[in-house]
N, C-alpha and C. Protein backbone atom coordinates (compact mmCIF):
# COMPACT_ATOMS: atom_id res chain seq x y z
N MET A 1 -24.13 2.78 47.31
CA MET A 1 -23.74 2.94 45.92
C MET A 1 -25.00 2.87 45.07
N ARG A 2 -25.03 3.68 44.05
CA ARG A 2 -26.16 3.71 43.12
C ARG A 2 -25.65 3.36 41.73
N ARG A 3 -26.36 2.48 41.05
CA ARG A 3 -25.96 2.02 39.72
C ARG A 3 -27.00 2.49 38.70
N PHE A 4 -26.52 3.12 37.63
CA PHE A 4 -27.39 3.57 36.54
C PHE A 4 -27.00 2.77 35.31
N THR A 5 -27.92 1.94 34.81
CA THR A 5 -27.58 1.02 33.73
C THR A 5 -28.48 1.11 32.51
N VAL A 6 -29.43 2.00 32.52
CA VAL A 6 -30.29 2.16 31.34
C VAL A 6 -30.42 3.65 31.01
N GLU A 7 -30.51 3.94 29.73
CA GLU A 7 -30.55 5.32 29.24
C GLU A 7 -31.69 6.12 29.88
N ARG A 8 -32.82 5.48 30.13
CA ARG A 8 -33.97 6.21 30.69
C ARG A 8 -33.73 6.68 32.12
N GLU A 9 -32.65 6.19 32.76
CA GLU A 9 -32.30 6.64 34.10
C GLU A 9 -31.47 7.92 34.11
N ALA A 10 -31.24 8.49 32.94
CA ALA A 10 -30.40 9.69 32.83
C ALA A 10 -30.86 10.82 33.77
N PRO A 11 -32.15 11.11 33.86
CA PRO A 11 -32.56 12.18 34.79
C PRO A 11 -32.21 11.85 36.24
N ASP A 12 -32.34 10.58 36.63
CA ASP A 12 -32.00 10.17 37.99
C ASP A 12 -30.50 10.29 38.24
N TYR A 13 -29.71 9.91 37.25
CA TYR A 13 -28.25 10.02 37.34
C TYR A 13 -27.84 11.49 37.51
N LEU A 14 -28.41 12.36 36.69
CA LEU A 14 -28.08 13.79 36.78
C LEU A 14 -28.53 14.37 38.11
N GLU A 15 -29.67 13.92 38.60
CA GLU A 15 -30.17 14.38 39.90
C GLU A 15 -29.27 13.90 41.03
N TRP A 16 -28.78 12.64 40.94
CA TRP A 16 -27.87 12.13 41.96
C TRP A 16 -26.62 13.00 42.02
N ARG A 17 -26.06 13.32 40.86
CA ARG A 17 -24.86 14.17 40.81
C ARG A 17 -25.13 15.54 41.42
N LYS A 18 -26.30 16.09 41.13
CA LYS A 18 -26.65 17.41 41.66
C LYS A 18 -26.76 17.38 43.19
N LYS A 19 -27.34 16.32 43.73
CA LYS A 19 -27.54 16.19 45.17
C LYS A 19 -26.27 15.75 45.91
N ASN A 20 -25.29 15.21 45.17
CA ASN A 20 -24.07 14.68 45.78
C ASN A 20 -22.82 15.26 45.12
N PRO A 21 -22.65 16.57 45.16
CA PRO A 21 -21.52 17.19 44.47
C PRO A 21 -20.15 16.76 45.01
N LEU A 22 -20.12 16.21 46.21
CA LEU A 22 -18.86 15.72 46.78
C LEU A 22 -18.69 14.22 46.56
N GLY A 23 -19.62 13.63 45.81
CA GLY A 23 -19.56 12.20 45.53
C GLY A 23 -18.67 11.88 44.34
N PHE A 24 -18.74 10.63 43.90
CA PHE A 24 -17.89 10.13 42.83
C PHE A 24 -18.70 9.30 41.84
N VAL A 25 -18.26 9.32 40.58
CA VAL A 25 -18.91 8.55 39.52
C VAL A 25 -17.86 7.64 38.89
N LEU A 26 -18.11 6.34 38.94
CA LEU A 26 -17.26 5.38 38.24
C LEU A 26 -17.83 5.23 36.85
N ASN A 27 -17.08 5.65 35.87
CA ASN A 27 -17.50 5.65 34.47
C ASN A 27 -16.72 4.54 33.76
N ILE A 28 -17.44 3.54 33.30
CA ILE A 28 -16.79 2.41 32.65
C ILE A 28 -17.44 2.08 31.33
N ASP A 29 -16.64 1.58 30.41
CA ASP A 29 -17.17 1.17 29.11
C ASP A 29 -17.72 -0.25 29.16
N THR A 30 -17.09 -1.10 29.94
CA THR A 30 -17.49 -2.50 29.99
C THR A 30 -16.97 -3.11 31.28
N TRP A 31 -17.60 -4.17 31.74
CA TRP A 31 -17.10 -4.87 32.93
C TRP A 31 -16.02 -5.87 32.55
N SER A 32 -15.78 -6.08 31.27
CA SER A 32 -14.78 -7.06 30.84
C SER A 32 -13.39 -6.46 30.92
N ALA A 33 -12.57 -6.98 31.82
CA ALA A 33 -11.21 -6.47 31.97
C ALA A 33 -10.32 -6.83 30.78
N THR A 34 -10.78 -7.75 29.92
CA THR A 34 -9.99 -8.16 28.76
C THR A 34 -10.32 -7.36 27.50
N SER A 35 -11.32 -6.50 27.59
CA SER A 35 -11.72 -5.71 26.42
C SER A 35 -10.69 -4.63 26.14
N PRO A 36 -10.25 -4.50 24.88
CA PRO A 36 -9.28 -3.46 24.56
C PRO A 36 -9.85 -2.04 24.67
N SER A 37 -11.16 -1.91 24.70
CA SER A 37 -11.77 -0.58 24.79
C SER A 37 -12.15 -0.20 26.22
N THR A 38 -11.75 -1.01 27.19
CA THR A 38 -12.11 -0.72 28.58
C THR A 38 -11.46 0.56 29.06
N THR A 39 -12.28 1.44 29.58
CA THR A 39 -11.81 2.65 30.22
C THR A 39 -12.54 2.76 31.55
N ASN A 40 -11.80 2.86 32.61
CA ASN A 40 -12.38 2.91 33.95
C ASN A 40 -11.87 4.15 34.65
N ILE A 41 -12.76 5.11 34.86
CA ILE A 41 -12.36 6.38 35.45
C ILE A 41 -13.31 6.73 36.59
N ILE A 42 -12.74 7.13 37.72
CA ILE A 42 -13.55 7.65 38.81
C ILE A 42 -13.48 9.17 38.74
N HIS A 43 -14.66 9.76 38.56
CA HIS A 43 -14.77 11.21 38.43
C HIS A 43 -15.28 11.83 39.73
N ASP A 44 -14.97 13.07 39.94
CA ASP A 44 -15.56 13.89 40.99
C ASP A 44 -16.95 14.28 40.49
N ALA A 45 -17.99 13.85 41.17
CA ALA A 45 -19.37 14.04 40.69
C ALA A 45 -19.74 15.49 40.47
N GLY A 46 -19.23 16.39 41.29
CA GLY A 46 -19.64 17.78 41.17
C GLY A 46 -18.65 18.68 40.46
N GLY A 47 -17.43 18.23 40.29
CA GLY A 47 -16.43 19.14 39.76
C GLY A 47 -15.71 18.69 38.52
N CYS A 48 -16.03 17.53 37.99
CA CYS A 48 -15.34 17.03 36.81
C CYS A 48 -16.04 17.54 35.55
N SER A 49 -15.36 18.40 34.81
CA SER A 49 -15.98 19.00 33.63
C SER A 49 -16.27 17.98 32.54
N SER A 50 -15.54 16.86 32.51
CA SER A 50 -15.79 15.88 31.45
C SER A 50 -17.16 15.22 31.59
N LEU A 51 -17.71 15.18 32.80
CA LEU A 51 -19.05 14.62 32.98
C LEU A 51 -20.13 15.55 32.43
N ASN A 52 -19.78 16.80 32.20
CA ASN A 52 -20.76 17.77 31.70
C ASN A 52 -20.66 18.02 30.20
N GLN A 53 -19.72 17.37 29.53
CA GLN A 53 -19.59 17.54 28.09
C GLN A 53 -20.72 16.82 27.38
N SER A 54 -21.00 17.27 26.15
CA SER A 54 -22.07 16.64 25.39
C SER A 54 -21.71 15.19 25.09
N ARG A 55 -22.73 14.37 24.95
CA ARG A 55 -22.53 12.94 24.71
C ARG A 55 -22.05 12.68 23.30
N THR A 56 -21.10 11.77 23.17
CA THR A 56 -20.61 11.35 21.85
C THR A 56 -20.44 9.85 21.85
N GLY A 57 -21.29 9.17 21.13
CA GLY A 57 -21.18 7.72 21.02
C GLY A 57 -21.43 7.02 22.34
N ASN A 58 -21.02 5.77 22.43
CA ASN A 58 -21.25 4.95 23.62
C ASN A 58 -20.51 5.47 24.84
N ARG A 59 -19.33 6.00 24.64
CA ARG A 59 -18.49 6.40 25.77
C ARG A 59 -19.18 7.40 26.69
N GLU A 60 -19.98 8.30 26.15
CA GLU A 60 -20.56 9.37 26.96
C GLU A 60 -22.03 9.17 27.31
N ARG A 61 -22.60 8.02 27.01
CA ARG A 61 -24.00 7.82 27.37
C ARG A 61 -24.15 7.80 28.88
N HIS A 62 -25.31 8.20 29.35
CA HIS A 62 -25.54 8.28 30.80
C HIS A 62 -25.46 6.93 31.48
N GLY A 63 -25.87 5.89 30.85
CA GLY A 63 -25.78 4.58 31.46
C GLY A 63 -26.49 3.53 30.65
N THR A 64 -25.81 2.45 30.36
CA THR A 64 -26.39 1.31 29.69
C THR A 64 -25.80 0.06 30.33
N LYS A 65 -26.32 -1.10 29.98
CA LYS A 65 -25.79 -2.35 30.53
C LYS A 65 -24.30 -2.47 30.21
N GLU A 66 -23.89 -2.09 29.00
CA GLU A 66 -22.50 -2.18 28.61
C GLU A 66 -21.66 -1.02 29.15
N HIS A 67 -22.31 0.04 29.57
CA HIS A 67 -21.62 1.26 30.00
C HIS A 67 -22.29 1.82 31.25
N PRO A 68 -22.25 1.05 32.35
CA PRO A 68 -22.92 1.53 33.56
C PRO A 68 -22.18 2.67 34.23
N LYS A 69 -22.93 3.44 34.98
CA LYS A 69 -22.37 4.50 35.82
C LYS A 69 -22.65 4.08 37.26
N LEU A 70 -21.62 3.99 38.07
CA LEU A 70 -21.79 3.69 39.48
C LEU A 70 -21.44 4.93 40.26
N CYS A 71 -22.32 5.29 41.18
CA CYS A 71 -22.16 6.54 41.92
C CYS A 71 -22.15 6.25 43.41
N SER A 72 -21.26 6.94 44.11
CA SER A 72 -21.17 6.77 45.56
C SER A 72 -20.55 8.01 46.18
N THR A 73 -20.87 8.22 47.44
CA THR A 73 -20.23 9.30 48.18
C THR A 73 -18.93 8.80 48.83
N ASP A 74 -18.65 7.52 48.70
CA ASP A 74 -17.45 6.91 49.27
C ASP A 74 -16.62 6.29 48.15
N ILE A 75 -15.50 6.90 47.82
CA ILE A 75 -14.65 6.42 46.72
C ILE A 75 -14.17 4.99 46.98
N ARG A 76 -13.99 4.63 48.23
CA ARG A 76 -13.54 3.27 48.56
C ARG A 76 -14.56 2.22 48.10
N GLU A 77 -15.82 2.57 48.15
CA GLU A 77 -16.87 1.67 47.70
C GLU A 77 -16.74 1.39 46.20
N LEU A 78 -16.41 2.42 45.42
CA LEU A 78 -16.24 2.25 43.98
C LEU A 78 -14.99 1.45 43.66
N VAL A 79 -13.90 1.71 44.35
CA VAL A 79 -12.67 0.94 44.14
C VAL A 79 -12.90 -0.53 44.50
N LYS A 80 -13.61 -0.77 45.58
CA LYS A 80 -13.92 -2.14 45.99
C LYS A 80 -14.73 -2.85 44.91
N GLU A 81 -15.70 -2.15 44.31
CA GLU A 81 -16.51 -2.74 43.24
C GLU A 81 -15.64 -3.04 42.03
N MET A 82 -14.71 -2.15 41.69
CA MET A 82 -13.81 -2.39 40.57
C MET A 82 -12.98 -3.65 40.82
N LEU A 83 -12.46 -3.78 42.02
CA LEU A 83 -11.66 -4.96 42.36
C LEU A 83 -12.51 -6.23 42.33
N ARG A 84 -13.73 -6.14 42.81
CA ARG A 84 -14.64 -7.29 42.82
C ARG A 84 -14.93 -7.76 41.40
N LYS A 85 -15.11 -6.79 40.49
CA LYS A 85 -15.42 -7.11 39.11
C LYS A 85 -14.18 -7.41 38.28
N GLY A 86 -13.01 -7.15 38.84
CA GLY A 86 -11.77 -7.44 38.13
C GLY A 86 -11.42 -6.43 37.05
N VAL A 87 -11.89 -5.20 37.19
CA VAL A 87 -11.55 -4.17 36.22
C VAL A 87 -10.37 -3.35 36.74
N VAL A 88 -9.56 -2.87 35.83
CA VAL A 88 -8.36 -2.13 36.18
C VAL A 88 -8.72 -0.70 36.51
N HIS A 89 -8.04 -0.14 37.49
CA HIS A 89 -8.24 1.28 37.81
C HIS A 89 -6.92 2.00 37.77
């Protein structure tokens, strides 16, 4: 699993997606399961058009501490991380 947590990693995140089109991206707003703004979505790294839309506000940033992107070629690894962190999927 690869974690992107800072904006300057955007080129690495985009490169990971390009090299792993059959992989998955866990897109989350926050690790806090009690936050009313929590959105936890596992995207298809190569085929999800929402990952290619222009960025708008915090929700679409490539990766920050509050909005990390977790990438893996194994969806079970991402689900396991969500369960470990206590976030809803």
